Amino acid sequence: MSRFFFALIPLLFAPNLFAQGFAPDKSCLAYKADKTMFYFRDVTVWGTSCQVEAKVEAVAGGYVAKVALPVASLVTDSERRDSDLRENYFFVAKYPFFRFESNLITKEELAQAKAGGEWNLAGTLTVMETQSTVTFALKIAEGRLVGSSKDQMSRLGVKPPKIAGGAFVAVHEAMEIHVDLRLADIVGAAEALR
């Protein structure tokens, strides 16, 4: 028990490597969650992946966006945490991808987005066996699609992690999903935005 306790101490003071933003030359997705350590210290954790597969497909009446994220590519500032999340919370061997498929995106919505306006994109997020409707507030700026969505972990099918019943670590239910994709990396985006 004492080795475990002392192994957690550096995590109390570890810098958050992902809070400064995404890599400008990459397309990335991230989650943000807060946790309480030892009942009193709140810490924000970012998990980021820049191995995003995104495409826009033409369908009757508009377009549909599809995004796949390899779960094993999500990283935080702690390899121990990453390994635990992959094996014990996301079950990456059985569910290797998180997937999102948008509802219909109309040509009017794309015109608004192209003009720099913010718009809401709803769709289905699949996490393991749970499919949830989520809505992203998005904007196109400087050749990038940026935005976020706020939700609850358990609604998305993820049990918030706890260590020692929450005495050492208790991750809060509320979370955010952040999007920062280069339009050039989204297959079909150029055609859809013409």
Foldseek 3Di string as FASTA:
>chain_A
DVVVVVVCVVVLVDDWPPPVDDDPVFWKKKKWWWKDFQNHRIDIKIWMARPKAWAWADDPQAIKIKIKDFLLRIDTSDPVVSVCCCVPWQNCVQPGIKMWIWDGDHLVNLQCQLVFHWDKIWTWIARRNATDIWIWTWHDDPQKIWTKTKDFQVNNPTDFDDDPNNNGMTIGGIMMMITIHGLVNYHHSVVRND
